[in-house]
Amino acid sequence: METPKRSNYLIVFIILMVSTLTETLVSYLHPEAIKISLLAVMAVLKVALVLLFFMHLRHNSKIFSYLFIAGCILVIPLILVITIVMPMIA
């Protein structure tokens, strides 16, 4: 297994930091459906980066990567549907 370079970790850290700042700015948006949808998608992308780089999923067997990607693909529509339905219930 090849050890990742430190520069990769630094780039991922910077991306996560910028994403967190962007999430903070998005939280001030007024349309709730847009805000929650954007925050949910950004959270999934941040989780993907952490799993792939810091938990070394990127260097493991491809089956784990495929399972993770399938989970992400399935969870995003679920979050969006919940976002649409919740205002109707409340």
Protein backbone atom coordinates (compact mmCIF):
# COMPACT_ATOMS: atom_id res chain seq x y z
CA MET A 1 0.00 0.00 0.00
CA GLU A 2 1.42 3.34 -1.07
CA THR A 3 1.61 6.11 1.53
CA PRO A 4 -0.17 9.30 0.45
CA LYS A 5 1.84 12.51 0.22
CA ARG A 6 1.44 15.22 2.84
CA SER A 7 0.47 17.70 0.14
CA ASN A 8 -2.65 15.62 -0.58
CA TYR A 9 -3.69 15.89 3.05
CA LEU A 10 -3.08 19.62 3.02
CA ILE A 11 -5.20 20.07 -0.11
CA VAL A 12 -8.02 18.00 1.40
CA PHE A 13 -7.77 20.00 4.63
CA ILE A 14 -8.03 23.28 2.71
CA ILE A 15 -11.02 21.97 0.74
CA LEU A 16 -12.73 20.93 3.99
CA MET A 17 -11.99 24.31 5.55
CA VAL A 18 -13.38 26.24 2.56
CA SER A 19 -16.40 23.94 2.50
CA THR A 20 -17.06 24.64 6.18
CA LEU A 21 -16.87 28.37 5.55
CA THR A 22 -19.24 27.98 2.60
CA GLU A 23 -21.66 26.00 4.77
CA THR A 24 -21.61 28.82 7.29
CA LEU A 25 -22.47 31.33 4.57
CA VAL A 26 -25.19 29.07 3.16
CA SER A 27 -26.79 28.83 6.59
CA TYR A 28 -27.76 32.50 6.28
CA LEU A 29 -29.90 31.87 3.18
CA HIS A 30 -33.61 32.46 3.66
CA PRO A 31 -35.32 29.81 1.48
CA GLU A 32 -35.23 26.81 3.83
CA ALA A 33 -35.54 24.14 1.12
CA ILE A 34 -32.54 25.48 -0.77
CA LYS A 35 -30.51 25.92 2.39
CA ILE A 36 -31.13 22.42 3.75
CA SER A 37 -30.55 20.79 0.37
CA LEU A 38 -27.24 22.57 -0.14
CA LEU A 39 -26.06 21.80 3.37
CA ALA A 40 -26.99 18.12 2.99
CA VAL A 41 -25.10 17.74 -0.28
CA MET A 42 -22.08 19.59 1.11
CA ALA A 43 -22.08 17.38 4.21
CA VAL A 44 -22.07 14.23 2.08
CA LEU A 45 -19.15 15.57 0.05
CA LYS A 46 -17.22 16.39 3.21
CA VAL A 47 -17.86 12.92 4.63
CA ALA A 48 -16.65 11.42 1.35
CA LEU A 49 -13.39 13.38 1.52
CA VAL A 50 -12.76 12.40 5.13
CA LEU A 51 -13.45 8.72 4.43
CA LEU A 52 -11.43 8.58 1.25
CA PHE A 53 -8.34 10.40 2.48
CA PHE A 54 -8.14 10.39 6.27
CA MET A 55 -9.62 6.93 6.79
CA HIS A 56 -7.69 5.57 3.74
CA LEU A 57 -10.74 4.11 2.03
CA ARG A 58 -9.23 5.25 -1.25
CA HIS A 59 -6.37 2.74 -0.87
CA ASN A 60 -8.49 -0.25 0.20
CA SER A 61 -10.34 -2.73 -1.95
CA LYS A 62 -12.55 -1.19 -4.64
CA ILE A 63 -15.64 -2.95 -3.28
CA PHE A 64 -15.60 -0.68 -0.23
CA SER A 65 -15.40 2.38 -2.46
CA TYR A 66 -18.30 1.15 -4.58
CA LEU A 67 -20.44 0.47 -1.51
CA PHE A 68 -19.67 3.92 -0.13
CA ILE A 69 -20.47 5.64 -3.44
CA ALA A 70 -23.73 3.69 -3.72
CA GLY A 71 -24.67 4.79 -0.21
CA CYS A 72 -23.97 8.43 -1.06
CA ILE A 73 -26.00 8.21 -4.24
CA LEU A 74 -28.93 6.73 -2.32
CA VAL A 75 -28.80 9.12 0.63
CA ILE A 76 -28.83 12.40 -1.32
CA PRO A 77 -32.32 11.87 -2.86
CA LEU A 78 -33.57 10.66 0.52
CA ILE A 79 -32.40 13.87 2.20
CA LEU A 80 -33.94 15.97 -0.56
CA VAL A 81 -37.30 14.18 -0.26
CA ILE A 82 -37.29 14.65 3.50
CA THR A 83 -36.49 18.32 2.97
CA ILE A 84 -39.50 18.71 0.69
CA VAL A 85 -41.93 16.70 2.85
CA MET A 86 -41.05 18.10 6.29
CA PRO A 87 -42.51 21.60 5.71
CA MET A 88 -45.81 19.96 4.64
CA ILE A 89 -46.00 18.01 7.92
CA ALA A 90 -45.20 20.93 10.22
